[in-house]
Protein backbone atom coordinates (compact mmCIF):
# COMPACT_ATOMS: atom_id res chain seq x y z
CA UNK A 1 155.96 28.25 31.88
CA UNK A 2 153.24 25.79 31.02
CA UNK A 3 151.83 23.79 33.85
CA UNK A 4 152.63 20.14 33.82
CA UNK A 5 149.71 17.90 32.97
CA UNK A 6 148.19 16.30 36.02
CA UNK A 7 148.36 12.50 35.87
CA UNK A 8 145.53 10.51 37.35
CA UNK A 9 146.27 6.95 38.39
CA UNK A 10 144.32 4.31 36.49
CA UNK A 11 142.47 1.88 38.75
CA UNK A 12 141.83 -1.31 36.79
CA UNK A 13 139.24 -2.47 39.30
CA UNK A 14 137.23 0.72 38.86
CA UNK A 15 137.40 0.34 35.08
CA UNK A 16 136.17 -3.25 35.40
CA UNK A 17 133.31 -2.20 37.67
CA UNK A 18 132.32 0.56 35.24
CA UNK A 19 132.41 -1.95 32.37
CA UNK A 20 130.12 -4.36 34.21
CA UNK A 21 127.72 -1.53 35.10
CA UNK A 22 127.51 -0.40 31.46
CA UNK A 23 127.09 -3.99 30.30
CA UNK A 24 124.36 -4.58 32.87
CA UNK A 25 122.52 -1.43 31.80
CA UNK A 26 122.83 -2.43 28.14
CA UNK A 27 121.33 -5.84 28.87
CA UNK A 28 118.78 -4.92 31.51
CA UNK A 29 117.30 -1.64 30.26
CA UNK A 30 115.46 -3.35 27.38
CA UNK A 31 114.07 -5.79 29.95
CA UNK A 32 112.28 -3.21 32.14
CA UNK A 33 108.97 -4.94 31.50
CA UNK A 34 110.43 -8.17 32.88
CA UNK A 35 111.44 -6.35 36.08
CA UNK A 36 107.88 -5.03 36.38
CA UNK A 37 106.46 -8.53 35.95
CA UNK A 38 108.97 -9.92 38.43
CA UNK A 39 107.92 -7.46 41.14
CA UNK A 40 104.30 -8.41 40.48
CA UNK A 41 105.23 -12.06 40.96
CA UNK A 42 107.01 -11.21 44.21
CA UNK A 43 103.80 -9.59 45.43
CA UNK A 44 102.12 -13.00 45.34
CA UNK A 45 104.88 -15.08 46.91
CA UNK A 46 104.16 -17.71 49.56
CA UNK A 47 105.33 -16.17 52.87
CA UNK A 48 105.93 -19.50 54.63
CA UNK A 49 108.65 -20.43 52.14
CA UNK A 50 110.15 -16.95 52.36
CA UNK A 51 110.33 -17.34 56.15
CA UNK A 52 112.06 -20.71 55.76
CA UNK A 53 114.56 -19.06 53.41
CA UNK A 54 115.31 -16.40 56.04
CA UNK A 55 115.88 -19.05 58.73
CA UNK A 56 118.20 -21.00 56.40
CA UNK A 57 120.20 -17.87 55.62
CA UNK A 58 120.64 -17.09 59.32
CA UNK A 59 121.75 -20.69 59.87
CA UNK A 60 124.62 -20.24 57.41
CA UNK A 61 126.25 -17.81 59.86
CA UNK A 62 125.90 -20.37 62.66
CA UNK A 63 127.77 -22.89 60.51
CA UNK A 64 130.36 -20.29 59.47
CA UNK A 65 131.14 -19.53 63.11
CA UNK A 66 131.29 -23.25 63.95
CA UNK A 67 133.76 -23.87 61.12
CA UNK A 68 136.12 -21.20 62.41
CA UNK A 69 135.86 -22.48 65.98
CA UNK A 70 136.74 -26.00 64.84
CA UNK A 71 139.70 -24.80 62.77
CA UNK A 72 141.02 -22.59 65.55
CA UNK A 73 143.68 -24.44 67.51
CA UNK A 74 143.60 -21.63 70.06
CA UNK A 75 140.13 -21.64 71.59
CA UNK A 76 137.63 -19.07 70.34
CA UNK A 77 134.42 -17.93 72.00
CA UNK A 78 131.57 -19.24 69.88
CA UNK A 79 129.16 -16.40 70.63
CA UNK A 80 131.79 -13.85 69.71
CA UNK A 81 132.53 -15.76 66.52
CA UNK A 82 128.86 -15.64 65.50
CA UNK A 83 128.88 -11.86 65.96
CA UNK A 84 132.08 -11.67 63.90
CA UNK A 85 130.54 -13.65 61.04
CA UNK A 86 127.59 -11.25 60.83
CA UNK A 87 129.94 -8.25 61.02
CA UNK A 88 132.21 -9.81 58.39
CA UNK A 89 129.18 -10.13 56.12
CA UNK A 90 128.65 -6.37 56.41
CA UNK A 91 132.26 -5.74 55.36
CA UNK A 92 131.83 -8.21 52.53
CA UNK A 93 128.98 -6.10 51.17
CA UNK A 94 131.32 -3.12 50.97
CA UNK A 95 134.32 -4.78 49.35
CA UNK A 96 134.53 -7.15 46.36
CA UNK A 97 135.72 -10.76 46.12
CA UNK A 98 135.21 -11.58 49.80
CA UNK A 99 138.02 -9.25 50.88
CA UNK A 100 135.90 -7.75 53.67
CA UNK A 101 135.15 -11.10 55.31
CA UNK A 102 138.78 -12.20 55.06
CA UNK A 103 140.00 -9.02 56.72
CA UNK A 104 137.38 -9.11 59.48
CA UNK A 105 138.13 -12.71 60.43
CA UNK A 106 141.88 -12.13 60.27
CA UNK A 107 141.61 -9.07 62.52
CA UNK A 108 139.46 -10.93 65.05
CA UNK A 109 141.92 -13.81 65.19
CA UNK A 110 144.72 -11.33 65.85
CA UNK A 111 142.55 -9.92 68.66
CA UNK A 112 142.35 -13.46 70.10
CA UNK A 113 146.19 -13.53 70.31
CA UNK A 114 146.91 -15.38 67.07
CA UNK A 115 150.12 -14.36 65.38
CA UNK A 116 150.02 -13.31 61.74
CA UNK A 117 150.91 -16.72 60.35
CA UNK A 118 148.38 -18.54 62.55
CA UNK A 119 145.58 -16.10 61.70
CA UNK A 120 146.35 -16.22 57.98
CA UNK A 121 146.45 -20.01 58.07
CA UNK A 122 143.03 -20.37 59.70
CA UNK A 123 141.43 -17.92 57.26
CA UNK A 124 143.04 -19.59 54.22
CA UNK A 125 142.11 -23.12 55.29
CA UNK A 126 138.56 -21.99 56.04
CA UNK A 127 138.21 -20.72 52.45
CA UNK A 128 139.81 -23.86 51.04
CA UNK A 129 137.45 -26.09 53.03
CA UNK A 130 134.53 -23.95 51.86
CA UNK A 131 135.35 -24.78 48.23
CA UNK A 132 135.85 -28.47 49.02
CA UNK A 133 132.59 -28.57 50.97
CA UNK A 134 130.60 -27.10 48.10
CA UNK A 135 132.17 -29.50 45.60
CA UNK A 136 131.17 -32.40 47.87
CA UNK A 137 127.58 -31.15 47.98
CA UNK A 138 127.47 -31.00 44.17
CA UNK A 139 128.97 -34.49 43.78
CA UNK A 140 126.65 -36.07 46.36
CA UNK A 141 123.63 -34.34 44.81
CA UNK A 142 124.61 -35.73 41.40
CA UNK A 143 124.98 -39.24 42.83
CA UNK A 144 121.67 -39.11 44.69
CA UNK A 145 119.98 -37.78 41.56
CA UNK A 146 121.22 -40.70 39.49
CA UNK A 147 117.73 -41.41 38.14
CA UNK A 148 117.47 -37.87 36.86
CA UNK A 149 121.00 -38.09 35.44
CA UNK A 150 120.09 -41.29 33.55
CA UNK A 151 116.98 -39.55 32.26
CA UNK A 152 119.15 -36.77 30.82
CA UNK A 153 121.58 -39.26 29.32
CA UNK A 154 118.75 -41.22 27.68
CA UNK A 155 117.36 -38.07 26.03
CA UNK A 156 120.27 -36.83 23.96
CA UNK A 157 118.07 -34.27 22.22
CA UNK A 158 116.54 -33.02 25.44
CA UNK A 159 116.86 -29.31 26.12
CA UNK A 160 117.36 -30.23 29.81
CA UNK A 161 120.56 -32.03 28.92
CA UNK A 162 121.71 -29.08 26.83
CA UNK A 163 120.97 -26.69 29.69
CA UNK A 164 122.84 -28.88 32.16
CA UNK A 165 125.96 -29.06 30.00
CA UNK A 166 125.71 -25.35 29.24
CA UNK A 167 125.73 -24.48 32.94
CA UNK A 168 128.48 -26.99 33.76
CA UNK A 169 130.51 -25.66 30.83
CA UNK A 170 129.94 -22.10 32.01
CA UNK A 171 131.18 -22.93 35.50
CA UNK A 172 134.29 -24.63 34.09
CA UNK A 173 134.95 -21.67 31.78
CA UNK A 174 134.68 -19.18 34.64
CA UNK A 175 137.02 -21.27 36.76
CA UNK A 176 139.53 -21.47 33.90
CA UNK A 177 139.40 -17.69 33.43
CA UNK A 178 139.94 -17.21 37.16
CA UNK A 179 142.94 -19.54 37.05
CA UNK A 180 144.41 -17.66 34.07
CA UNK A 181 144.18 -14.25 35.75
CA UNK A 182 145.22 -15.21 39.27
CA UNK A 183 147.06 -18.48 38.65
CA UNK A 184 150.32 -17.59 40.39
CA UNK A 185 148.51 -16.17 43.43
CA UNK A 186 146.31 -19.28 43.72
CA UNK A 187 149.24 -21.67 43.40
CA UNK A 188 151.21 -19.87 46.12
CA UNK A 189 148.16 -19.75 48.38
CA UNK A 190 147.30 -23.44 48.06
CA UNK A 191 150.92 -24.48 48.52
CA UNK A 192 150.93 -22.58 51.79
CA UNK A 193 147.62 -24.19 52.77
CA UNK A 194 148.93 -27.70 52.11
CA UNK A 195 151.97 -26.93 54.25
CA UNK A 196 149.86 -25.50 57.08
CA UNK A 197 147.52 -28.51 57.02
CA UNK A 198 150.33 -30.43 58.70
CA UNK A 199 149.50 -28.50 61.86
CA UNK A 200 146.22 -30.44 62.00
CA UNK A 201 147.81 -33.90 61.96
CA UNK A 202 147.02 -34.21 65.67
CA UNK A 203 143.58 -32.60 65.22
CA UNK A 204 142.07 -34.57 62.35
CA UNK A 205 138.63 -34.74 63.96
CA UNK A 206 138.54 -30.93 64.09
CA UNK A 207 139.39 -30.80 60.39
CA UNK A 208 136.63 -33.31 59.54
CA UNK A 209 134.18 -31.43 61.73
CA UNK A 210 135.05 -28.15 59.98
CA UNK A 211 134.49 -29.80 56.59
CA UNK A 212 131.08 -31.12 57.68
CA UNK A 213 130.18 -27.70 59.01
CA UNK A 214 131.19 -26.16 55.69
CA UNK A 215 129.01 -28.71 53.88
CA UNK A 216 126.13 -27.67 56.13
CA UNK A 217 126.72 -24.03 55.23
CA UNK A 218 126.62 -24.78 51.49
CA UNK A 219 123.49 -26.89 51.89
CA UNK A 220 121.71 -24.09 53.75
CA UNK A 221 122.54 -21.63 50.98
CA UNK A 222 121.25 -24.00 48.30
CA UNK A 223 118.14 -24.86 50.30
CA UNK A 224 117.51 -21.14 50.76
CA UNK A 225 117.49 -20.71 46.98
CA UNK A 226 115.23 -23.79 46.73
CA UNK A 227 112.82 -22.24 49.24
CA UNK A 228 112.82 -18.95 47.29
CA UNK A 229 111.97 -20.90 44.15
CA UNK A 230 109.03 -22.60 45.88
CA UNK A 231 107.91 -19.25 47.29
CA UNK A 232 107.56 -17.99 43.72
CA UNK A 233 105.63 -21.12 42.74
CA UNK A 234 108.33 -22.72 40.57
CA UNK A 235 109.14 -26.42 40.95
CA UNK A 236 112.40 -27.96 39.73
CA UNK A 237 114.48 -30.97 40.91
CA UNK A 238 116.94 -30.23 43.70
CA UNK A 239 119.94 -31.14 41.54
CA UNK A 240 119.03 -28.36 39.10
CA UNK A 241 118.92 -25.83 41.95
CA UNK A 242 122.39 -27.04 43.00
CA UNK A 243 123.73 -26.46 39.48
CA UNK A 244 122.04 -23.08 39.13
CA UNK A 245 123.36 -21.93 42.51
CA UNK A 246 126.87 -23.07 41.59
CA UNK A 247 126.64 -21.14 38.32
CA UNK A 248 125.43 -18.05 40.20
CA UNK A 249 128.32 -18.30 42.68
CA UNK A 250 130.79 -18.64 39.80
CA UNK A 251 129.50 -15.56 37.98
CA UNK A 252 129.36 -13.62 41.24
CA UNK A 253 132.94 -14.57 42.09
CA UNK A 254 134.37 -13.20 38.84
CA UNK A 255 132.26 -10.03 39.03
CA UNK A 256 134.41 -7.28 40.64
CA UNK A 257 131.61 -5.78 42.70
CA UNK A 258 130.86 -6.00 46.46
CA UNK A 259 129.26 -9.37 47.16
CA UNK A 260 129.26 -10.17 43.44
CA UNK A 261 126.33 -7.77 43.10
CA UNK A 262 124.83 -7.96 39.62
CA UNK A 263 126.84 -10.95 38.43
CA UNK A 264 125.34 -13.35 40.97
CA UNK A 265 121.77 -12.30 40.14
CA UNK A 266 122.49 -12.56 36.42
CA UNK A 267 123.93 -16.05 36.88
CA UNK A 268 120.91 -17.26 38.86
CA UNK A 269 118.47 -15.78 36.37
CA UNK A 270 120.30 -17.26 33.36
CA UNK A 271 120.49 -20.64 35.10
CA UNK A 272 116.75 -20.84 35.77
CA UNK A 273 115.90 -19.56 32.28
CA UNK A 274 118.05 -22.38 30.87
CA UNK A 275 115.66 -24.83 32.53
CA UNK A 276 112.57 -23.28 30.91
CA UNK A 277 111.60 -21.01 33.80
CA UNK A 278 110.04 -17.79 32.48
CA UNK A 279 112.31 -14.73 32.50
CA UNK A 280 110.10 -12.84 34.94
CA UNK A 281 109.85 -15.79 37.35
CA UNK A 282 113.58 -16.54 37.10
CA UNK A 283 114.43 -12.93 37.91
CA UNK A 284 111.88 -12.92 40.75
CA UNK A 285 113.60 -15.94 42.33
CA UNK A 286 117.00 -14.26 42.04
CA UNK A 287 115.69 -10.99 43.48
CA UNK A 288 113.97 -12.74 46.40
CA UNK A 289 117.10 -14.73 47.19
CA UNK A 290 119.23 -11.60 47.19
CA UNK A 291 116.67 -9.58 49.16
CA UNK A 292 116.94 -12.20 51.90
CA UNK A 293 120.60 -13.24 51.75
CA UNK A 294 122.06 -9.82 50.88
CA UNK A 295 119.90 -6.83 51.78
CA UNK A 296 117.98 -8.18 54.78
CA UNK A 297 121.18 -9.56 56.32
CA UNK A 298 122.67 -6.06 56.24
CA UNK A 299 120.47 -5.22 59.24
CA UNK A 300 121.96 -8.12 61.20
CA UNK A 301 125.44 -7.19 60.00
CA UNK A 302 125.07 -3.59 61.13
CA UNK A 303 123.86 -4.71 64.57
CA UNK A 304 126.76 -7.18 64.82
CA UNK A 305 129.23 -4.44 63.86
CA UNK A 306 127.92 -2.18 66.64
CA UNK A 307 128.23 -5.03 69.15
CA UNK A 308 131.75 -5.90 67.97
CA UNK A 309 132.79 -2.27 68.34
CA UNK A 310 131.41 -2.07 71.88
CA UNK A 311 133.24 -5.26 72.83
CA UNK A 312 136.43 -4.16 70.98
CA UNK A 313 136.54 -7.44 69.04
CA UNK A 314 138.57 -5.88 66.25
CA UNK A 315 141.14 -4.22 68.51
CA UNK A 316 144.74 -5.41 68.72
CA UNK A 317 145.56 -8.13 71.22
């Protein structure tokens, strides 16, 4: 009797990851010379700006912990929360789409005697506020850069204006694609968030404080990229760095790899190239930013994970 054919389950996420890897190789292999030039540029970076970028990246975890402490209606220990944010970053590097960080924070809140609904609410509202905070940073940056905006408007044929609208259009397109693929999930999630926000009617100052803390986190990330740009010797207006960072975050978000690896770097590089930065320099900025915010932080994340295990911060309440 013939053996039955063995069926292997098809994992769509794995197929997507494989597709992005092949696409990246197809695009990047012809650009090996650019990588070589980029590493040469990194060899001559200005260390003081690189150090500032490291400090700004570390500060983002301080703000992340503060945001959670402000949103938590049951008191959290701030020092523990800082450790959790570093450990959550490590998990985030292992799983795509921020799943690792969500799970780590949810588990810690359960350890601090939150029930499932309370823990899920805090995590969801934290993510929602993160999006709102970043949008506020972009809007304020656009308003403060009104002179530059008028300059773009006055030069209809300017390549700067074209690049700006290209990046803004790209961000909108990526958001639309995300809404198409996960529309029902997003709608359900945000409906729940709006309902749970009623729990903060008596704690409005905490909600405002969490939003300001989230704004600080976004600003530190953008300023880190700005410092990396200066370390490479490139000078662009701050508003452009805001737009390029937003584009990088958007491409990283829709890339199904841990931490948006590959997509985020590609978005940053494409954004800087759109503003007439050389390909090698643009890639060098993206690589430096990721070396600091991604790879270097893994050391802190690993240390935080060891500490959290010793203190049983992820154990059940």
